[in-house]
Amino acid sequence: MSKQMKIMTLSLALLVWAVPVLAAEYAIDMSHSSVNFQIKHMAISKVNGAFTEFEGTFTYDASKPEATRAEAVIQIASVDTGDAKRDDHLRNPDFFDVENHPTMTFTTTGVSMKNAQEGQVTGDLSMHGVTRPVTLDLEITGTVTDPWGNERIGASLTGKINRKDWGLTWNKALETGGLVVGEDVKITLEIQGIKQ
C-alpha cells in the first residue's frame, strides 16, 4: 500500500471514529404512559388527578444517558380528578384558565445520572403563562422489544412543585386553620417510549 493510500485509509478511519453515535429517538406511547399529580385537600387528605391527553418525544442512548433530551406537551383541558365539577373548576380562571393557557410544556435542560438506572432530570416547565425550572427524580425502568418488533423503554419520574410559583394561587381558609387546597403538588410520570 502506498504512503498516500495509508494516509487516506487512516484519515477515513479517524473520521468514522469521530462521528458520534446518534441517540435513538422515542415517541411517548400515550396508551401506556400517565401524567399524574397529587395535592392536599382540606389539610386532611390527598386528591389524585391526571392529565389524559399529552404527547412528546425524547432521545436516549444507553451508553450516554446524560445526553437524553425530551419535549412534551400536555393538554390541560384533559385534567381528570374523578369529579366533573372539580375538573371544571380547575379549568376555569381560578386555576389553569384553559381558555387562555390551553397547554403545559416541559423541555429538558439537563440530565445527571448516579448510576445506569437512577438520576435526575432538570427542565423548564411552562404553564399558566409562566416558565420555571423544575427537577425530577428519574428511574430508567427497562428496555424491551415487543412482540411486533418495536423497541421500547420505560421510565418513572417524580418530583414536587409549588403551584403558586406558576401563578395558581386560588384558595380559601378553613375556620379550623389551614387551606382548602394545598400548595405543594406531587408529580408522578410513568413513561413508555417507542423507538422511531
N, C-alpha and C. Protein backbone atom coordinates (compact mmCIF):
# COMPACT_ATOMS: atom_id res chain seq x y z
N MET A 1 0.85 -1.19 0.00
CA MET A 1 0.00 0.00 0.00
C MET A 1 0.89 1.25 0.00
N SER A 2 0.57 2.17 -0.89
CA SER A 2 1.36 3.39 -0.99
C SER A 2 1.17 4.27 0.24
N LYS A 3 2.11 5.18 0.42
CA LYS A 3 2.04 6.10 1.56
C LYS A 3 0.77 6.93 1.48
N GLN A 4 0.39 7.34 0.26
CA GLN A 4 -0.81 8.16 0.09
C GLN A 4 -2.06 7.36 0.46
N MET A 5 -2.11 6.09 0.06
CA MET A 5 -3.26 5.25 0.39
C MET A 5 -3.36 5.03 1.89
N LYS A 6 -2.20 4.84 2.56
CA LYS A 6 -2.21 4.66 4.01
C LYS A 6 -2.77 5.89 4.71
N ILE A 7 -2.37 7.06 4.22
CA ILE A 7 -2.85 8.31 4.82
C ILE A 7 -4.36 8.45 4.63
N MET A 8 -4.84 8.10 3.42
CA MET A 8 -6.28 8.18 3.15
C MET A 8 -7.06 7.20 4.03
N THR A 9 -6.53 5.99 4.17
CA THR A 9 -7.21 4.98 5.00
C THR A 9 -7.26 5.41 6.45
N LEU A 10 -6.13 5.95 6.95
CA LEU A 10 -6.08 6.42 8.33
C LEU A 10 -7.04 7.58 8.54
N SER A 11 -7.10 8.49 7.56
CA SER A 11 -8.00 9.65 7.67
C SER A 11 -9.45 9.20 7.71
N LEU A 12 -9.80 8.22 6.87
CA LEU A 12 -11.17 7.71 6.84
C LEU A 12 -11.53 7.04 8.16
N ALA A 13 -10.59 6.27 8.70
CA ALA A 13 -10.83 5.59 9.98
C ALA A 13 -11.05 6.61 11.10
N LEU A 14 -10.23 7.66 11.11
CA LEU A 14 -10.38 8.70 12.12
C LEU A 14 -11.71 9.42 11.98
N LEU A 15 -12.14 9.64 10.74
CA LEU A 15 -13.41 10.32 10.50
C LEU A 15 -14.57 9.48 11.02
N VAL A 16 -14.55 8.19 10.72
CA VAL A 16 -15.61 7.31 11.19
C VAL A 16 -15.63 7.25 12.71
N TRP A 17 -14.45 7.16 13.31
CA TRP A 17 -14.36 7.10 14.77
C TRP A 17 -14.86 8.38 15.41
N ALA A 18 -14.65 9.52 14.73
CA ALA A 18 -15.01 10.81 15.30
C ALA A 18 -16.51 11.10 15.22
N VAL A 19 -17.23 10.42 14.31
CA VAL A 19 -18.66 10.68 14.17
C VAL A 19 -19.39 10.09 15.38
N PRO A 20 -20.11 10.88 16.15
CA PRO A 20 -20.76 10.36 17.35
C PRO A 20 -21.91 9.43 17.01
N VAL A 21 -22.13 8.46 17.87
CA VAL A 21 -23.28 7.58 17.72
C VAL A 21 -24.52 8.38 18.09
N LEU A 22 -25.47 8.45 17.17
CA LEU A 22 -26.66 9.24 17.42
C LEU A 22 -27.60 8.52 18.37
N ALA A 23 -28.11 9.27 19.34
CA ALA A 23 -29.07 8.70 20.27
C ALA A 23 -30.36 8.37 19.52
N ALA A 24 -31.00 7.29 19.94
CA ALA A 24 -32.26 6.90 19.31
C ALA A 24 -33.37 7.85 19.75
N GLU A 25 -34.31 8.09 18.85
CA GLU A 25 -35.45 8.93 19.19
C GLU A 25 -36.66 8.06 19.50
N TYR A 26 -37.38 8.44 20.56
CA TYR A 26 -38.55 7.71 21.01
C TYR A 26 -39.76 8.65 21.05
N ALA A 27 -40.92 8.09 20.75
CA ALA A 27 -42.17 8.83 20.92
C ALA A 27 -42.90 8.25 22.12
N ILE A 28 -43.49 9.12 22.92
CA ILE A 28 -44.23 8.65 24.09
C ILE A 28 -45.48 7.89 23.65
N ASP A 29 -45.64 6.69 24.16
CA ASP A 29 -46.83 5.88 23.90
C ASP A 29 -47.88 6.27 24.94
N MET A 30 -48.82 7.13 24.54
CA MET A 30 -49.79 7.67 25.48
C MET A 30 -50.65 6.59 26.11
N SER A 31 -50.93 5.52 25.38
CA SER A 31 -51.82 4.48 25.91
C SER A 31 -51.14 3.65 27.00
N HIS A 32 -49.82 3.77 27.13
CA HIS A 32 -49.10 3.04 28.17
C HIS A 32 -48.26 3.98 29.03
N SER A 33 -48.66 5.23 29.09
CA SER A 33 -47.97 6.23 29.90
C SER A 33 -49.01 7.02 30.69
N SER A 34 -48.56 7.73 31.72
CA SER A 34 -49.50 8.51 32.52
C SER A 34 -48.80 9.74 33.11
N VAL A 35 -49.60 10.81 33.26
CA VAL A 35 -49.13 12.05 33.87
C VAL A 35 -50.04 12.31 35.06
N ASN A 36 -49.53 12.09 36.26
CA ASN A 36 -50.35 12.12 37.47
C ASN A 36 -49.88 13.20 38.45
N PHE A 37 -50.82 13.66 39.28
CA PHE A 37 -50.46 14.61 40.33
C PHE A 37 -51.27 14.32 41.58
N GLN A 38 -50.78 14.84 42.69
CA GLN A 38 -51.45 14.66 43.98
C GLN A 38 -51.30 15.93 44.80
N ILE A 39 -52.39 16.34 45.46
CA ILE A 39 -52.37 17.58 46.23
C ILE A 39 -53.26 17.42 47.47
N LYS A 40 -52.91 18.11 48.54
CA LYS A 40 -53.71 18.01 49.77
C LYS A 40 -55.03 18.77 49.63
N HIS A 41 -56.05 18.22 50.27
CA HIS A 41 -57.37 18.85 50.28
C HIS A 41 -57.85 18.99 51.72
N MET A 42 -58.27 20.19 52.07
CA MET A 42 -58.77 20.48 53.42
C MET A 42 -57.75 20.17 54.50
N ALA A 43 -56.49 20.07 54.11
CA ALA A 43 -55.37 19.81 55.03
C ALA A 43 -55.44 18.44 55.72
N ILE A 44 -56.36 17.59 55.29
CA ILE A 44 -56.50 16.29 55.97
C ILE A 44 -56.39 15.09 55.05
N SER A 45 -56.50 15.30 53.73
CA SER A 45 -56.44 14.17 52.81
C SER A 45 -55.78 14.61 51.51
N LYS A 46 -55.60 13.65 50.62
CA LYS A 46 -54.94 13.94 49.35
C LYS A 46 -55.85 13.57 48.19
N VAL A 47 -55.86 14.44 47.18
CA VAL A 47 -56.64 14.21 45.96
C VAL A 47 -55.68 13.86 44.84
N ASN A 48 -55.99 12.81 44.10
CA ASN A 48 -55.18 12.40 42.96
C ASN A 48 -55.84 12.84 41.65
N GLY A 49 -55.03 13.19 40.69
CA GLY A 49 -55.54 13.58 39.39
C GLY A 49 -54.56 13.21 38.30
N ALA A 50 -55.00 13.40 37.06
CA ALA A 50 -54.16 13.07 35.91
C ALA A 50 -54.53 13.98 34.74
N PHE A 51 -53.60 14.08 33.81
CA PHE A 51 -53.89 14.69 32.51
C PHE A 51 -53.88 13.54 31.51
N THR A 52 -54.96 13.38 30.79
CA THR A 52 -55.12 12.18 29.95
C THR A 52 -54.73 12.38 28.50
N GLU A 53 -54.44 13.62 28.10
CA GLU A 53 -54.02 13.89 26.72
C GLU A 53 -52.67 14.59 26.73
N PHE A 54 -51.69 13.96 26.13
CA PHE A 54 -50.34 14.51 26.07
C PHE A 54 -49.57 13.83 24.95
N GLU A 55 -48.46 14.43 24.59
CA GLU A 55 -47.59 13.84 23.58
C GLU A 55 -46.18 14.34 23.81
N GLY A 56 -45.22 13.61 23.29
CA GLY A 56 -43.85 14.04 23.47
C GLY A 56 -42.86 13.10 22.81
N THR A 57 -41.63 13.56 22.73
CA THR A 57 -40.54 12.76 22.17
C THR A 57 -39.31 12.92 23.06
N PHE A 58 -38.44 11.94 23.00
CA PHE A 58 -37.17 12.06 23.71
C PHE A 58 -36.11 11.24 23.00
N THR A 59 -34.86 11.64 23.21
CA THR A 59 -33.74 10.88 22.68
C THR A 59 -33.07 10.16 23.83
N TYR A 60 -32.51 9.00 23.54
CA TYR A 60 -31.87 8.22 24.60
C TYR A 60 -30.80 7.33 24.01
N ASP A 61 -29.65 7.32 24.67
CA ASP A 61 -28.54 6.44 24.31
C ASP A 61 -28.06 5.81 25.62
N ALA A 62 -28.21 4.49 25.75
CA ALA A 62 -27.87 3.81 27.00
C ALA A 62 -26.42 4.04 27.39
N SER A 63 -25.53 4.26 26.41
CA SER A 63 -24.12 4.48 26.73
C SER A 63 -23.84 5.91 27.17
N LYS A 64 -24.83 6.80 26.96
CA LYS A 64 -24.66 8.19 27.36
C LYS A 64 -26.01 8.78 27.77
N PRO A 65 -26.59 8.29 28.86
CA PRO A 65 -27.92 8.76 29.27
C PRO A 65 -27.95 10.24 29.63
N GLU A 66 -26.78 10.81 29.98
CA GLU A 66 -26.74 12.23 30.32
C GLU A 66 -27.09 13.12 29.13
N ALA A 67 -27.01 12.56 27.93
CA ALA A 67 -27.34 13.32 26.73
C ALA A 67 -28.82 13.27 26.38
N THR A 68 -29.62 12.58 27.20
CA THR A 68 -31.05 12.47 26.95
C THR A 68 -31.71 13.85 26.89
N ARG A 69 -32.56 14.04 25.91
CA ARG A 69 -33.32 15.28 25.77
C ARG A 69 -34.77 14.92 25.51
N ALA A 70 -35.68 15.70 26.07
CA ALA A 70 -37.10 15.39 25.94
C ALA A 70 -37.92 16.67 25.81
N GLU A 71 -39.02 16.54 25.09
CA GLU A 71 -40.00 17.62 24.98
C GLU A 71 -41.39 16.99 25.08
N ALA A 72 -42.28 17.64 25.83
CA ALA A 72 -43.63 17.12 25.99
C ALA A 72 -44.64 18.25 26.06
N VAL A 73 -45.84 17.97 25.55
CA VAL A 73 -46.94 18.94 25.59
C VAL A 73 -48.14 18.24 26.21
N ILE A 74 -48.73 18.88 27.23
CA ILE A 74 -49.90 18.34 27.92
C ILE A 74 -51.09 19.23 27.66
N GLN A 75 -52.22 18.63 27.29
CA GLN A 75 -53.46 19.38 27.09
C GLN A 75 -54.15 19.53 28.44
N ILE A 76 -54.18 20.74 28.97
CA ILE A 76 -54.67 20.95 30.33
C ILE A 76 -56.16 20.67 30.46
N ALA A 77 -56.93 20.87 29.40
CA ALA A 77 -58.36 20.59 29.46
C ALA A 77 -58.65 19.12 29.74
N SER A 78 -57.65 18.25 29.58
CA SER A 78 -57.84 16.82 29.82
C SER A 78 -57.70 16.45 31.30
N VAL A 79 -57.58 17.44 32.18
CA VAL A 79 -57.43 17.15 33.60
C VAL A 79 -58.60 16.30 34.11
N ASP A 80 -58.27 15.31 34.92
CA ASP A 80 -59.28 14.36 35.40
C ASP A 80 -58.96 13.98 36.85
N THR A 81 -59.81 14.44 37.77
CA THR A 81 -59.65 14.08 39.19
C THR A 81 -60.77 13.17 39.66
N GLY A 82 -61.60 12.71 38.72
CA GLY A 82 -62.70 11.84 39.09
C GLY A 82 -63.94 12.57 39.55
N ASP A 83 -63.95 13.90 39.44
CA ASP A 83 -65.10 14.70 39.84
C ASP A 83 -65.29 15.81 38.81
N ALA A 84 -66.36 15.73 38.02
CA ALA A 84 -66.56 16.66 36.91
C ALA A 84 -66.64 18.11 37.36
N LYS A 85 -67.30 18.36 38.49
CA LYS A 85 -67.44 19.73 38.99
C LYS A 85 -66.08 20.30 39.37
N ARG A 86 -65.27 19.50 40.05
CA ARG A 86 -63.92 19.95 40.43
C ARG A 86 -63.05 20.16 39.20
N ASP A 87 -63.16 19.26 38.21
CA ASP A 87 -62.37 19.42 36.99
C ASP A 87 -62.73 20.70 36.26
N ASP A 88 -64.02 21.04 36.21
CA ASP A 88 -64.43 22.30 35.57
C ASP A 88 -63.85 23.50 36.31
N HIS A 89 -63.81 23.41 37.64
CA HIS A 89 -63.22 24.50 38.43
C HIS A 89 -61.73 24.63 38.12
N LEU A 90 -61.03 23.51 37.97
CA LEU A 90 -59.60 23.55 37.65
C LEU A 90 -59.35 24.17 36.28
N ARG A 91 -60.30 24.01 35.37
CA ARG A 91 -60.13 24.56 34.02
C ARG A 91 -60.41 26.06 33.96
N ASN A 92 -61.15 26.60 34.92
CA ASN A 92 -61.56 28.00 34.83
C ASN A 92 -60.46 28.94 35.32
N PRO A 93 -60.66 30.26 35.23
CA PRO A 93 -59.60 31.22 35.58
C PRO A 93 -59.11 31.17 37.02
N ASP A 94 -59.86 30.54 37.94
CA ASP A 94 -59.35 30.41 39.30
C ASP A 94 -58.06 29.58 39.35
N PHE A 95 -57.93 28.66 38.40
CA PHE A 95 -56.76 27.79 38.39
C PHE A 95 -56.03 27.88 37.04
N PHE A 96 -56.23 26.88 36.17
CA PHE A 96 -55.43 26.80 34.95
C PHE A 96 -55.81 27.81 33.87
N ASP A 97 -57.05 28.28 33.88
CA ASP A 97 -57.50 29.23 32.85
C ASP A 97 -57.23 28.67 31.45
N VAL A 98 -57.85 27.53 31.19
CA VAL A 98 -57.59 26.77 29.97
C VAL A 98 -57.85 27.58 28.70
N GLU A 99 -58.83 28.46 28.74
CA GLU A 99 -59.14 29.25 27.54
C GLU A 99 -57.95 30.08 27.09
N ASN A 100 -57.19 30.61 28.03
CA ASN A 100 -56.03 31.44 27.69
C ASN A 100 -54.70 30.68 27.74
N HIS A 101 -54.69 29.56 28.45
CA HIS A 101 -53.45 28.79 28.60
C HIS A 101 -53.78 27.30 28.42
N PRO A 102 -54.02 26.87 27.20
CA PRO A 102 -54.52 25.50 26.97
C PRO A 102 -53.50 24.38 27.17
N THR A 103 -52.21 24.71 27.14
CA THR A 103 -51.22 23.64 27.23
C THR A 103 -50.19 23.89 28.33
N MET A 104 -49.57 22.82 28.74
CA MET A 104 -48.42 22.83 29.64
C MET A 104 -47.29 22.16 28.87
N THR A 105 -46.09 22.71 28.92
CA THR A 105 -44.97 22.11 28.19
C THR A 105 -43.79 21.87 29.13
N PHE A 106 -43.01 20.87 28.78
CA PHE A 106 -41.79 20.57 29.53
C PHE A 106 -40.67 20.29 28.53
N THR A 107 -39.53 20.94 28.74
CA THR A 107 -38.35 20.74 27.90
C THR A 107 -37.14 20.53 28.79
N THR A 108 -36.42 19.45 28.58
CA THR A 108 -35.26 19.19 29.43
C THR A 108 -34.15 20.20 29.16
N THR A 109 -33.40 20.49 30.22
CA THR A 109 -32.20 21.31 30.11
C THR A 109 -30.97 20.54 30.55
N GLY A 110 -31.17 19.40 31.19
CA GLY A 110 -30.03 18.59 31.62
C GLY A 110 -30.45 17.31 32.28
N VAL A 111 -29.57 16.31 32.23
CA VAL A 111 -29.79 15.02 32.89
C VAL A 111 -28.50 14.63 33.59
N SER A 112 -28.60 14.25 34.85
CA SER A 112 -27.43 13.75 35.58
C SER A 112 -27.78 12.38 36.16
N MET A 113 -26.90 11.42 35.97
CA MET A 113 -27.14 10.05 36.41
C MET A 113 -26.18 9.68 37.53
N LYS A 114 -26.70 9.00 38.56
CA LYS A 114 -25.81 8.50 39.61
C LYS A 114 -25.44 7.05 39.37
N ASN A 115 -26.21 6.37 38.53
CA ASN A 115 -25.84 5.05 38.04
C ASN A 115 -26.62 4.82 36.74
N ALA A 116 -26.59 3.61 36.22
CA ALA A 116 -27.21 3.35 34.91
C ALA A 116 -28.72 3.50 34.91
N GLN A 117 -29.35 3.39 36.08
CA GLN A 117 -30.81 3.43 36.15
C GLN A 117 -31.37 4.67 36.82
N GLU A 118 -30.62 5.31 37.70
CA GLU A 118 -31.18 6.39 38.51
C GLU A 118 -30.44 7.71 38.31
N GLY A 119 -31.21 8.79 38.34
CA GLY A 119 -30.61 10.10 38.19
C GLY A 119 -31.65 11.18 38.39
N GLN A 120 -31.36 12.35 37.83
CA GLN A 120 -32.27 13.48 37.90
C GLN A 120 -32.36 14.17 36.56
N VAL A 121 -33.56 14.67 36.28
CA VAL A 121 -33.82 15.44 35.06
C VAL A 121 -34.15 16.87 35.46
N THR A 122 -33.51 17.83 34.85
CA THR A 122 -33.89 19.23 35.04
C THR A 122 -34.49 19.73 33.74
N GLY A 123 -35.42 20.67 33.87
CA GLY A 123 -36.07 21.18 32.67
C GLY A 123 -36.91 22.39 32.97
N ASP A 124 -37.43 22.99 31.91
CA ASP A 124 -38.30 24.16 32.03
C ASP A 124 -39.75 23.71 31.89
N LEU A 125 -40.54 24.01 32.92
CA LEU A 125 -41.97 23.72 32.91
C LEU A 125 -42.73 25.02 32.69
N SER A 126 -43.52 25.04 31.63
CA SER A 126 -44.30 26.23 31.29
C SER A 126 -45.78 25.93 31.42
N MET A 127 -46.48 26.74 32.22
CA MET A 127 -47.94 26.66 32.32
C MET A 127 -48.46 27.99 32.88
N HIS A 128 -49.69 28.30 32.53
CA HIS A 128 -50.34 29.49 33.05
C HIS A 128 -49.54 30.75 32.74
N GLY A 129 -48.81 30.71 31.61
CA GLY A 129 -48.04 31.88 31.19
C GLY A 129 -46.73 32.07 31.91
N VAL A 130 -46.30 31.09 32.69
CA VAL A 130 -45.07 31.19 33.47
C VAL A 130 -44.16 30.01 33.15
N THR A 131 -42.86 30.28 33.00
CA THR A 131 -41.87 29.22 32.79
C THR A 131 -40.88 29.24 33.93
N ARG A 132 -40.72 28.08 34.58
CA ARG A 132 -39.79 27.97 35.71
C ARG A 132 -39.07 26.62 35.63
N PRO A 133 -37.85 26.56 36.19
CA PRO A 133 -37.13 25.28 36.19
C PRO A 133 -37.67 24.32 37.23
N VAL A 134 -37.62 23.05 36.90
CA VAL A 134 -38.01 22.00 37.85
C VAL A 134 -36.98 20.88 37.80
N THR A 135 -36.91 20.11 38.87
CA THR A 135 -36.04 18.94 38.92
C THR A 135 -36.87 17.72 39.28
N LEU A 136 -36.72 16.66 38.52
CA LEU A 136 -37.47 15.42 38.75
C LEU A 136 -36.49 14.27 38.94
N ASP A 137 -36.81 13.38 39.88
CA ASP A 137 -36.03 12.16 40.04
C ASP A 137 -36.39 11.20 38.92
N LEU A 138 -35.37 10.57 38.36
CA LEU A 138 -35.55 9.69 37.19
C LEU A 138 -35.13 8.27 37.52
N GLU A 139 -35.95 7.32 37.08
CA GLU A 139 -35.59 5.91 37.12
C GLU A 139 -35.85 5.30 35.76
N ILE A 140 -34.81 4.77 35.14
CA ILE A 140 -34.98 4.02 33.89
C ILE A 140 -35.44 2.62 34.28
N THR A 141 -36.66 2.26 33.93
CA THR A 141 -37.24 1.01 34.44
C THR A 141 -37.02 -0.19 33.52
N GLY A 142 -36.46 0.03 32.33
CA GLY A 142 -36.13 -1.11 31.49
C GLY A 142 -36.33 -0.87 30.01
N THR A 143 -35.78 -1.78 29.22
CA THR A 143 -35.95 -1.76 27.77
C THR A 143 -36.40 -3.14 27.32
N VAL A 144 -37.14 -3.17 26.21
CA VAL A 144 -37.67 -4.45 25.73
C VAL A 144 -38.05 -4.31 24.26
N THR A 145 -38.06 -5.43 23.56
CA THR A 145 -38.61 -5.47 22.21
C THR A 145 -39.96 -6.17 22.29
N ASP A 146 -41.01 -5.48 21.84
CA ASP A 146 -42.35 -6.05 21.96
C ASP A 146 -42.58 -7.12 20.89
N PRO A 147 -43.71 -7.85 20.96
CA PRO A 147 -43.96 -8.93 20.01
C PRO A 147 -44.05 -8.50 18.55
N TRP A 148 -44.18 -7.20 18.30
CA TRP A 148 -44.28 -6.68 16.94
C TRP A 148 -42.97 -6.06 16.45
N GLY A 149 -41.91 -6.26 17.24
CA GLY A 149 -40.59 -5.81 16.83
C GLY A 149 -40.24 -4.38 17.20
N ASN A 150 -41.11 -3.72 17.97
CA ASN A 150 -40.83 -2.34 18.38
C ASN A 150 -39.94 -2.32 19.62
N GLU A 151 -38.92 -1.48 19.58
CA GLU A 151 -38.07 -1.31 20.75
C GLU A 151 -38.72 -0.28 21.68
N ARG A 152 -38.84 -0.64 22.95
CA ARG A 152 -39.50 0.22 23.93
C ARG A 152 -38.58 0.44 25.13
N ILE A 153 -38.80 1.58 25.79
CA ILE A 153 -38.09 1.88 27.02
C ILE A 153 -39.07 2.47 28.01
N GLY A 154 -38.88 2.15 29.29
CA GLY A 154 -39.76 2.67 30.33
C GLY A 154 -38.98 3.55 31.30
N ALA A 155 -39.66 4.57 31.82
CA ALA A 155 -39.04 5.46 32.79
C ALA A 155 -40.09 6.00 33.75
N SER A 156 -39.68 6.20 35.00
CA SER A 156 -40.53 6.83 36.00
C SER A 156 -39.86 8.13 36.45
N LEU A 157 -40.67 9.20 36.59
CA LEU A 157 -40.16 10.47 37.06
C LEU A 157 -41.06 10.98 38.18
N THR A 158 -40.46 11.48 39.23
CA THR A 158 -41.23 12.01 40.35
C THR A 158 -40.62 13.33 40.81
N GLY A 159 -41.47 14.18 41.36
CA GLY A 159 -40.98 15.46 41.86
C GLY A 159 -42.08 16.22 42.56
N LYS A 160 -41.77 17.43 42.99
CA LYS A 160 -42.74 18.25 43.69
C LYS A 160 -42.54 19.71 43.28
N ILE A 161 -43.65 20.40 43.05
CA ILE A 161 -43.61 21.82 42.74
C ILE A 161 -44.60 22.56 43.64
N ASN A 162 -44.42 23.86 43.76
CA ASN A 162 -45.38 24.71 44.45
C ASN A 162 -46.20 25.42 43.38
N ARG A 163 -47.50 25.18 43.36
CA ARG A 163 -48.35 25.72 42.30
C ARG A 163 -48.34 27.24 42.25
N LYS A 164 -48.09 27.90 43.41
CA LYS A 164 -48.07 29.36 43.44
C LYS A 164 -46.94 29.93 42.59
N ASP A 165 -45.88 29.14 42.38
CA ASP A 165 -44.77 29.60 41.54
C ASP A 165 -45.20 29.82 40.10
N TRP A 166 -46.32 29.22 39.71
CA TRP A 166 -46.84 29.39 38.35
C TRP A 166 -48.12 30.24 38.35
N GLY A 167 -48.35 30.97 39.41
CA GLY A 167 -49.49 31.88 39.47
C GLY A 167 -50.82 31.21 39.76
N LEU A 168 -50.80 29.96 40.21
CA LEU A 168 -52.04 29.25 40.57
C LEU A 168 -52.26 29.45 42.07
N THR A 169 -52.89 30.55 42.41
CA THR A 169 -52.92 30.99 43.81
C THR A 169 -54.28 30.87 44.51
N TRP A 170 -55.33 30.47 43.78
CA TRP A 170 -56.66 30.42 44.39
C TRP A 170 -56.66 29.54 45.64
N ASN A 171 -57.37 30.01 46.68
CA ASN A 171 -57.52 29.22 47.88
C ASN A 171 -58.59 29.82 48.78
N LYS A 172 -58.95 29.09 49.78
CA LYS A 172 -59.85 29.58 50.84
C LYS A 172 -59.35 29.05 52.17
N ALA A 173 -59.47 29.90 53.19
CA ALA A 173 -59.03 29.49 54.52
C ALA A 173 -60.11 28.67 55.22
N LEU A 174 -59.68 27.73 56.02
CA LEU A 174 -60.60 26.92 56.82
C LEU A 174 -60.78 27.57 58.19
N GLU A 175 -61.97 27.43 58.76
CA GLU A 175 -62.23 28.00 60.08
C GLU A 175 -61.32 27.41 61.14
N THR A 176 -60.94 26.16 60.93
CA THR A 176 -60.08 25.48 61.90
C THR A 176 -58.60 25.70 61.63
N GLY A 177 -58.30 26.53 60.64
CA GLY A 177 -56.91 26.74 60.25
C GLY A 177 -56.55 25.90 59.04
N GLY A 178 -55.57 26.35 58.30
CA GLY A 178 -55.19 25.64 57.09
C GLY A 178 -55.95 26.16 55.88
N LEU A 179 -55.73 25.53 54.75
CA LEU A 179 -56.31 25.96 53.49
C LEU A 179 -57.06 24.83 52.82
N VAL A 180 -58.03 25.20 51.98
CA VAL A 180 -58.82 24.20 51.25
C VAL A 180 -57.93 23.38 50.32
N VAL A 181 -57.04 24.07 49.58
CA VAL A 181 -56.17 23.40 48.61
C VAL A 181 -54.71 23.59 49.01
N GLY A 182 -53.96 22.51 49.05
CA GLY A 182 -52.54 22.61 49.36
C GLY A 182 -51.77 23.35 48.28
N GLU A 183 -50.58 23.78 48.62
CA GLU A 183 -49.74 24.49 47.66
C GLU A 183 -48.77 23.54 46.95
N ASP A 184 -48.25 22.55 47.65
CA ASP A 184 -47.30 21.62 47.05
C ASP A 184 -48.03 20.55 46.24
N VAL A 185 -47.53 20.33 45.05
CA VAL A 185 -48.12 19.34 44.14
C VAL A 185 -47.08 18.26 43.85
N LYS A 186 -47.43 17.02 44.16
CA LYS A 186 -46.55 15.90 43.85
C LYS A 186 -46.82 15.45 42.42
N ILE A 187 -45.76 15.27 41.65
CA ILE A 187 -45.88 14.87 40.24
C ILE A 187 -45.30 13.47 40.08
N THR A 188 -46.03 12.61 39.37
CA THR A 188 -45.55 11.27 39.05
C THR A 188 -45.81 10.99 37.57
N LEU A 189 -44.76 10.71 36.85
CA LEU A 189 -44.87 10.39 35.42
C LEU A 189 -44.41 8.96 35.19
N GLU A 190 -45.24 8.20 34.52
CA GLU A 190 -44.86 6.85 34.07
C GLU A 190 -44.82 6.89 32.55
N ILE A 191 -43.64 6.76 32.00
CA ILE A 191 -43.46 6.97 30.57
C ILE A 191 -42.98 5.69 29.89
N GLN A 192 -43.62 5.36 28.78
CA GLN A 192 -43.17 4.28 27.92
C GLN A 192 -42.95 4.86 26.52
N GLY A 193 -41.75 4.71 26.01
CA GLY A 193 -41.44 5.26 24.69
C GLY A 193 -41.23 4.17 23.66
N ILE A 194 -41.61 4.48 22.41
CA ILE A 194 -41.42 3.56 21.29
C ILE A 194 -40.35 4.14 20.36
N LYS A 195 -39.34 3.36 20.07
CA LYS A 195 -38.27 3.82 19.20
C LYS A 195 -38.81 4.10 17.80
N GLN A 196 -38.44 5.26 17.26
CA GLN A 196 -38.93 5.66 15.94
C GLN A 196 -37.99 5.23 14.83
